[in-house]
Protein backbone atom coordinates (compact mmCIF):
# COMPACT_ATOMS: atom_id res chain seq x y z
CA UNK A 1 46.11 40.34 205.13
CA UNK A 2 48.79 39.09 207.54
CA UNK A 3 48.03 39.07 211.30
CA UNK A 4 50.93 41.52 211.86
CA UNK A 5 49.54 43.99 209.30
CA UNK A 6 46.05 43.66 210.80
CA UNK A 7 47.50 44.37 214.27
CA UNK A 8 49.28 47.49 212.95
CA UNK A 9 46.11 48.85 211.38
CA UNK A 10 44.07 48.15 214.51
CA UNK A 11 46.66 49.89 216.70
CA UNK A 12 46.86 52.87 214.37
CA UNK A 13 43.09 53.29 214.41
CA UNK A 14 43.08 53.24 218.22
CA UNK A 15 45.72 55.98 218.48
CA UNK A 16 43.92 58.25 216.03
CA UNK A 17 40.51 57.25 217.32
CA UNK A 18 41.37 58.45 220.82
CA UNK A 19 41.93 61.96 219.50
CA UNK A 20 38.70 61.90 217.49
CA UNK A 21 36.89 60.76 220.63
CA UNK A 22 37.82 63.96 222.44
CA UNK A 23 36.72 65.97 219.40
CA UNK A 24 33.43 64.09 219.27
CA UNK A 25 32.62 64.87 222.90
CA UNK A 26 32.93 68.61 222.30
CA UNK A 27 31.07 68.39 219.00
CA UNK A 28 28.24 66.58 220.80
CA UNK A 29 27.99 69.52 223.17
CA UNK A 30 27.76 71.94 220.25
CA UNK A 31 25.38 69.61 218.43
CA UNK A 32 23.00 69.69 221.36
CA UNK A 33 22.24 73.29 220.41
CA UNK A 34 21.10 72.30 216.95
CA UNK A 35 19.33 69.01 217.77
CA UNK A 36 17.52 70.05 220.94
CA UNK A 37 14.05 68.51 221.07
CA UNK A 38 12.73 70.33 224.16
CA UNK A 39 11.66 67.26 226.12
CA UNK A 40 13.35 68.23 229.40
CA UNK A 41 11.30 70.15 231.91
CA UNK A 42 12.29 73.79 232.54
CA UNK A 43 9.84 76.43 233.75
CA UNK A 44 11.49 79.69 232.68
CA UNK A 45 14.45 80.31 230.38
CA UNK A 46 17.34 81.63 232.50
CA UNK A 47 19.99 84.17 231.67
CA UNK A 48 22.99 82.81 229.77
CA UNK A 49 26.44 84.37 229.49
CA UNK A 50 27.47 84.55 225.84
CA UNK A 51 31.11 84.53 224.63
CA UNK A 52 31.04 87.94 222.96
CA UNK A 53 34.62 89.07 223.66
CA UNK A 54 37.94 88.21 225.27
CA UNK A 55 37.90 87.92 229.06
CA UNK A 56 40.99 88.43 231.21
CA UNK A 57 41.28 84.65 231.50
CA UNK A 58 41.13 84.15 227.74
CA UNK A 59 43.62 86.98 227.17
CA UNK A 60 46.08 85.42 229.60
CA UNK A 61 45.68 82.05 227.89
CA UNK A 62 46.33 83.59 224.46
CA UNK A 63 49.37 85.58 225.65
CA UNK A 64 51.02 82.52 227.22
CA UNK A 65 50.92 80.84 223.83
CA UNK A 66 52.75 83.66 222.06
CA UNK A 67 56.38 82.73 221.60
CA UNK A 68 59.28 84.66 220.07
CA UNK A 69 60.13 83.08 216.76
CA UNK A 70 63.25 84.41 215.06
CA UNK A 71 63.64 83.60 211.33
CA UNK A 72 65.01 80.07 210.93
CA UNK A 73 67.70 78.91 208.49
CA UNK A 74 66.31 77.95 205.07
CA UNK A 75 65.66 74.32 204.25
CA UNK A 76 67.96 72.65 201.70
CA UNK A 77 67.22 74.09 198.28
CA UNK A 78 65.80 77.36 199.61
CA UNK A 79 67.65 80.64 199.03
CA UNK A 80 68.93 82.47 202.10
CA UNK A 81 68.02 86.17 202.29
CA UNK A 82 70.95 88.58 202.38
CA UNK A 83 71.20 90.56 205.64
CA UNK A 84 73.72 92.85 207.27
CA UNK A 85 75.99 90.83 209.57
CA UNK A 86 75.48 93.42 212.32
CA UNK A 87 71.73 93.42 211.90
CA UNK A 88 69.89 91.20 214.37
CA UNK A 89 66.33 90.36 213.34
CA UNK A 90 63.63 91.31 215.80
CA UNK A 91 61.83 88.25 217.19
CA UNK A 92 58.20 87.99 216.19
CA UNK A 93 55.74 86.93 218.88
CA UNK A 94 53.19 84.57 217.43
CA UNK A 95 51.08 81.52 218.16
CA UNK A 96 52.59 78.69 216.06
CA UNK A 97 49.41 76.63 216.35
CA UNK A 98 47.30 79.34 214.69
CA UNK A 99 50.00 80.07 212.11
CA UNK A 100 49.97 76.40 211.09
CA UNK A 101 46.30 76.78 210.10
CA UNK A 102 47.05 79.53 207.57
CA UNK A 103 45.60 78.97 204.15
CA UNK A 104 42.94 76.47 205.29
CA UNK A 105 40.69 77.12 202.31
CA UNK A 106 37.39 76.11 203.96
CA UNK A 107 38.18 77.43 207.42
CA UNK A 108 39.09 75.75 210.69
CA UNK A 109 37.47 74.75 213.97
CA UNK A 110 39.53 74.68 217.17
CA UNK A 111 38.54 72.88 220.35
CA UNK A 112 40.13 73.93 223.64
CA UNK A 113 40.20 70.38 224.97
CA UNK A 114 42.11 71.15 228.16
CA UNK A 115 39.89 74.11 229.08
CA UNK A 116 36.73 72.06 228.55
CA UNK A 117 38.19 69.03 230.33
CA UNK A 118 38.74 71.00 233.55
CA UNK A 119 35.37 72.77 233.54
CA UNK A 120 32.47 71.45 235.65
CA UNK A 121 30.65 70.25 232.54
CA UNK A 122 33.85 68.75 231.13
CA UNK A 123 34.47 66.80 234.32
CA UNK A 124 30.96 65.41 234.11
CA UNK A 125 31.35 64.33 230.48
CA UNK A 126 34.81 62.84 231.03
CA UNK A 127 33.66 60.83 234.04
CA UNK A 128 30.95 59.20 231.95
CA UNK A 129 33.07 58.37 228.88
CA UNK A 130 36.02 57.11 230.92
CA UNK A 131 34.10 54.10 232.19
CA UNK A 132 33.33 52.36 228.89
CA UNK A 133 36.72 53.40 227.40
CA UNK A 134 38.91 53.06 230.48
CA UNK A 135 40.54 49.78 229.43
CA UNK A 136 41.52 51.09 225.99
CA UNK A 137 42.83 54.40 227.36
CA UNK A 138 44.83 52.63 230.07
CA UNK A 139 46.44 50.33 227.48
CA UNK A 140 47.50 53.28 225.33
CA UNK A 141 48.80 55.17 228.37
CA UNK A 142 50.79 52.17 229.58
CA UNK A 143 52.28 51.49 226.13
CA UNK A 144 53.11 55.09 225.11
CA UNK A 145 52.87 57.37 228.13
CA UNK A 146 50.17 59.45 226.41
CA UNK A 147 47.05 60.22 228.44
CA UNK A 148 44.40 61.32 225.95
CA UNK A 149 42.25 62.71 228.76
CA UNK A 150 44.87 64.93 230.41
CA UNK A 151 47.63 65.59 227.86
CA UNK A 152 45.69 67.21 225.00
CA UNK A 153 45.58 71.02 224.86
CA UNK A 154 44.02 72.03 221.54
CA UNK A 155 42.65 70.13 218.55
CA UNK A 156 42.00 71.83 215.21
CA UNK A 157 40.10 70.36 212.30
CA UNK A 158 40.53 72.09 208.95
CA UNK A 159 40.12 71.64 205.20
CA UNK A 160 42.97 72.60 202.87
CA UNK A 161 42.19 72.55 199.17
CA UNK A 162 39.49 69.95 199.70
CA UNK A 163 41.80 67.80 201.86
CA UNK A 164 40.90 67.34 205.54
CA UNK A 165 43.57 67.73 208.20
CA UNK A 166 43.93 67.73 211.95
CA UNK A 167 46.43 69.52 214.21
CA UNK A 168 46.86 68.41 217.83
CA UNK A 169 48.82 70.21 220.53
CA UNK A 170 49.47 69.04 224.04
CA UNK A 171 51.87 68.41 226.88
CA UNK A 172 53.22 65.01 225.85
CA UNK A 173 56.03 63.04 227.50
CA UNK A 174 59.31 63.16 225.58
CA UNK A 175 59.35 60.54 222.83
CA UNK A 176 55.79 59.41 223.59
CA UNK A 177 54.55 59.79 220.03
CA UNK A 178 57.60 58.00 218.62
CA UNK A 179 56.74 55.14 220.95
CA UNK A 180 53.09 55.23 219.93
CA UNK A 181 53.86 55.15 216.21
CA UNK A 182 56.95 52.95 215.98
CA UNK A 183 55.06 49.65 215.59
CA UNK A 184 52.28 50.91 213.33
CA UNK A 185 54.12 53.17 210.89
CA UNK A 186 57.40 53.84 209.11
CA UNK A 187 59.50 57.00 209.09
CA UNK A 188 59.43 58.50 205.60
CA UNK A 189 61.49 61.66 206.18
CA UNK A 190 62.55 64.39 208.57
CA UNK A 191 61.48 67.93 207.76
CA UNK A 192 62.84 70.67 209.99
CA UNK A 193 62.29 69.57 213.59
CA UNK A 194 59.48 67.21 212.60
CA UNK A 195 59.48 63.50 211.90
CA UNK A 196 57.01 62.41 209.22
CA UNK A 197 55.55 58.92 209.44
CA UNK A 198 53.32 56.91 207.14
CA UNK A 199 50.41 55.64 209.21
CA UNK A 200 48.09 53.27 207.31
CA UNK A 201 48.89 55.08 204.04
CA UNK A 202 48.36 58.53 205.59
CA UNK A 203 51.16 60.89 206.67
CA UNK A 204 51.52 61.93 210.31
CA UNK A 205 54.13 64.41 211.56
CA UNK A 206 55.33 64.82 215.14
CA UNK A 207 56.95 68.20 215.90
CA UNK A 208 59.12 68.53 219.03
CA UNK A 209 56.73 66.36 221.09
CA UNK A 210 54.36 69.36 221.13
CA UNK A 211 52.34 69.16 217.91
CA UNK A 212 50.99 66.29 215.86
CA UNK A 213 49.77 66.82 212.29
CA UNK A 214 47.46 64.46 210.41
CA UNK A 215 47.02 65.17 206.71
CA UNK A 216 46.02 63.63 203.41
CA UNK A 217 49.42 64.05 201.75
CA UNK A 218 53.01 64.84 202.66
CA UNK A 219 53.03 68.11 200.72
CA UNK A 220 50.28 69.43 202.98
CA UNK A 221 52.20 68.22 206.05
CA UNK A 222 55.50 69.82 204.98
CA UNK A 223 53.84 73.17 204.25
CA UNK A 224 52.30 73.28 207.73
CA UNK A 225 55.59 72.36 209.37
CA UNK A 226 57.17 75.33 207.56
CA UNK A 227 54.39 77.50 209.01
CA UNK A 228 55.04 76.12 212.50
CA UNK A 229 58.76 76.84 212.23
CA UNK A 230 58.40 80.31 210.74
CA UNK A 231 59.87 79.50 207.33
CA UNK A 232 56.61 80.25 205.55
CA UNK A 233 54.49 83.39 205.86
CA UNK A 234 51.09 82.65 207.48
CA UNK A 235 48.91 84.28 204.82
CA UNK A 236 45.10 84.01 204.97
CA UNK A 237 45.14 82.80 208.56
CA UNK A 238 41.52 81.93 209.47
CA UNK A 239 41.96 82.74 213.17
CA UNK A 240 44.04 85.27 215.14
CA UNK A 241 44.85 85.24 218.88
CA UNK A 242 42.09 87.80 219.57
CA UNK A 243 39.52 85.30 218.27
CA UNK A 244 40.53 82.49 220.65
CA UNK A 245 37.97 82.77 223.43
CA UNK A 246 35.56 80.12 224.61
CA UNK A 247 35.96 76.34 224.60
CA UNK A 248 35.42 76.11 220.84
CA UNK A 249 35.86 78.66 218.08
CA UNK A 250 36.29 78.68 214.36
CA UNK A 251 36.05 80.41 211.02
CA UNK A 252 33.99 79.09 208.13
CA UNK A 253 33.95 80.15 204.51
CA UNK A 254 30.78 80.89 202.60
CA UNK A 255 31.12 77.61 200.71
CA UNK A 256 31.28 75.60 203.92
CA UNK A 257 28.23 77.37 205.36
CA UNK A 258 26.23 76.79 202.20
CA UNK A 259 27.12 73.10 202.28
CA UNK A 260 26.02 72.84 205.92
CA UNK A 261 22.71 74.64 205.28
CA UNK A 262 21.81 72.94 202.02
CA UNK A 263 20.25 69.87 203.63
CA UNK A 264 18.48 71.90 206.35
CA UNK A 265 17.01 74.81 204.41
CA UNK A 266 17.79 75.00 200.67
CA UNK A 267 16.25 78.47 200.37
CA UNK A 268 18.34 79.85 203.23
CA UNK A 269 21.41 78.17 201.73
CA UNK A 270 20.76 79.91 198.39
CA UNK A 271 20.37 83.32 200.01
CA UNK A 272 23.44 82.72 202.16
CA UNK A 273 25.45 81.99 199.03
CA UNK A 274 24.28 85.28 197.51
CA UNK A 275 24.63 87.54 200.55
CA UNK A 276 27.29 86.14 202.90
CA UNK A 277 31.08 86.15 202.59
CA UNK A 278 32.29 84.42 205.78
CA UNK A 279 31.48 83.62 209.39
CA UNK A 280 33.29 83.18 212.66
CA UNK A 281 31.91 81.65 215.88
CA UNK A 282 32.81 81.25 219.54
CA UNK A 283 31.22 78.69 221.83
CA UNK A 284 31.41 78.68 225.61
CA UNK A 285 30.75 75.31 227.24
CA UNK A 286 32.20 75.58 230.73
CA UNK A 287 28.72 75.92 232.27
CA UNK A 288 25.88 77.17 230.13
CA UNK A 289 26.47 76.60 226.44
CA UNK A 290 26.40 79.87 224.56
CA UNK A 291 27.25 80.30 220.91
CA UNK A 292 27.90 83.62 219.18
CA UNK A 293 28.28 83.72 215.43
CA UNK A 294 29.73 86.80 213.73
CA UNK A 295 28.63 86.85 210.10
CA UNK A 296 29.98 89.12 207.38
CA UNK A 297 27.78 89.96 204.41
CA UNK A 298 28.71 91.30 201.00
CA UNK A 299 27.43 94.79 201.92
CA UNK A 300 25.59 96.64 204.71
CA UNK A 301 22.35 96.19 202.76
CA UNK A 302 22.98 92.44 202.44
CA UNK A 303 23.72 92.24 206.18
CA UNK A 304 20.40 93.95 206.97
CA UNK A 305 18.50 91.62 204.61
CA UNK A 306 20.09 88.45 205.96
CA UNK A 307 19.72 89.45 209.61
CA UNK A 308 16.00 90.18 209.04
CA UNK A 309 15.63 86.81 207.31
CA UNK A 310 17.23 84.93 210.22
CA UNK A 311 15.31 86.91 212.86
CA UNK A 312 12.07 86.19 211.04
CA UNK A 313 12.91 82.49 210.91
CA UNK A 314 13.48 82.40 214.67
CA UNK A 315 10.18 84.20 215.28
CA UNK A 316 8.28 81.76 213.08
CA UNK A 317 9.93 78.80 214.84
CA UNK A 318 9.00 80.17 218.29
CA UNK A 319 5.38 80.70 217.23
CA UNK A 320 5.17 77.22 215.72
CA UNK A 321 6.63 75.63 218.87
CA UNK A 322 4.06 77.33 221.11
CA UNK A 323 1.24 76.48 218.73
CA UNK A 324 2.17 72.82 218.98
CA UNK A 325 2.46 72.99 222.77
CA UNK A 326 6.25 72.63 222.82
CA UNK A 327 6.87 75.28 225.48
CA UNK A 328 10.34 74.02 226.38
CA UNK A 329 11.66 74.41 222.85
CA UNK A 330 9.92 77.76 222.55
CA UNK A 331 11.66 78.91 225.74
CA UNK A 332 15.01 77.95 224.27
CA UNK A 333 14.23 79.91 221.12
CA UNK A 334 13.54 82.93 223.32
CA UNK A 335 17.25 82.86 224.17
CA UNK A 336 18.20 82.93 220.48
CA UNK A 337 18.43 86.28 218.78
CA UNK A 338 19.92 88.14 215.84
CA UNK A 339 21.81 91.38 216.55
CA UNK A 340 22.10 93.64 213.49
CA UNK A 341 25.29 95.60 212.93
CA UNK A 342 25.49 99.35 213.10
CA UNK A 343 24.64 101.65 210.25
CA UNK A 344 26.95 100.98 207.32
CA UNK A 345 28.23 97.77 208.94
CA UNK A 346 28.45 94.52 206.96
CA UNK A 347 28.73 92.45 210.15
CA UNK A 348 25.93 91.11 212.33
CA UNK A 349 25.64 88.47 215.08
CA UNK A 350 23.46 85.53 215.94
CA UNK A 351 23.31 84.03 219.45
CA UNK A 352 22.13 80.57 220.51
CA UNK A 353 22.04 79.11 224.02
CA UNK A 354 21.53 75.94 225.99
CA UNK A 355 21.38 76.60 229.78
CA UNK A 356 23.40 74.37 232.09
CA UNK A 357 20.29 72.91 233.73
CA UNK A 358 19.07 71.66 230.35
CA UNK A 359 22.48 70.39 229.39
CA UNK A 360 23.07 68.55 232.65
CA UNK A 361 20.03 66.34 232.11
CA UNK A 362 21.01 65.84 228.46
CA UNK A 363 24.49 64.69 229.59
CA UNK A 364 22.90 62.38 232.17
CA UNK A 365 20.75 60.78 229.47
CA UNK A 366 23.77 60.50 227.15
CA UNK A 367 25.87 58.87 229.88
CA UNK A 368 23.09 56.42 230.73
CA UNK A 369 22.82 55.34 227.08
CA UNK A 370 26.60 55.03 226.81
CA UNK A 371 26.75 52.89 229.93
CA UNK A 372 23.85 50.74 228.70
CA UNK A 373 25.67 50.19 225.40
CA UNK A 374 28.83 49.23 227.30
CA UNK A 375 26.89 46.73 229.43
CA UNK A 376 25.42 45.15 226.28
CA UNK A 377 28.91 44.74 224.79
CA UNK A 378 30.13 42.99 227.95
CA UNK A 379 27.37 40.42 227.61
């Protein structure tokens, strides 16, 4: 491989890797809920605020993102619908970011990067990761004008027909992405208002300096650009504006849930496959970490059976933790609960929590290990 080609691949990995870094930070916060080992001292489990519904702040954030999108002219080769010359189409207010996720066959997870970044916990996490990565981030900022700490707004990870994809939105300087990609990719085509590049044999599209799409093939990219621009109908959209509260939220299909559970509890995975249809979750991570999962079963009877199964599992886990003297983990499990739906309801909820006092020490330990690893690399 030529030195020039090697340089292009290394640069491309750094641009994409910076985005995945932000995703990883938020996923680590969510992962702390599932991997908590209870070793940090805490006398009594405190109250935690759970993200159960839209707040005024979340509603304002969602409304700001709704934009009027009048029908656009058809692309070359598409038929134009006949309309009365005097008839003016009513603009449709929609969130293009959520529309672009329509049809994600295995669901989608969205991270509110900007909201988390400017929360007390986010500031703490960012301050610790900036040190070891400051040189790389400064180089990218100087070369392209993109600040991966401040400019990102939302990042969505989704699966479309078995193909992974990523959608990034943010407040990027004009032409910044063209500058970032010009030396590591080639322009393959223009589709609507988007420019599609080939980046290390993978397509990347930049739309109006506001959205960046990473996909496995150009067909997937073009379809999502059509959704962004209103040329395609957003059918089977996994998330709607009323679901966008918290610092992370998502919708998962039954198949995705079964895959996630299979390695943890095969029996629970089997029963989930039989009784569950889909799930949606919201995670708040601005202070305490609270996660609320809304699960939909195949019937009210299935919802009752599955909620009893999960509640029983939590009770057994709490008893086992206390029996083995793990009071801290048992206290955390006291904050977890299953809330059955009403009579005749196929929906029920599960809530998990990690109080800020626990999380702060976990972040301190994480930062110390990250700094230690950085020191080792310097030597």
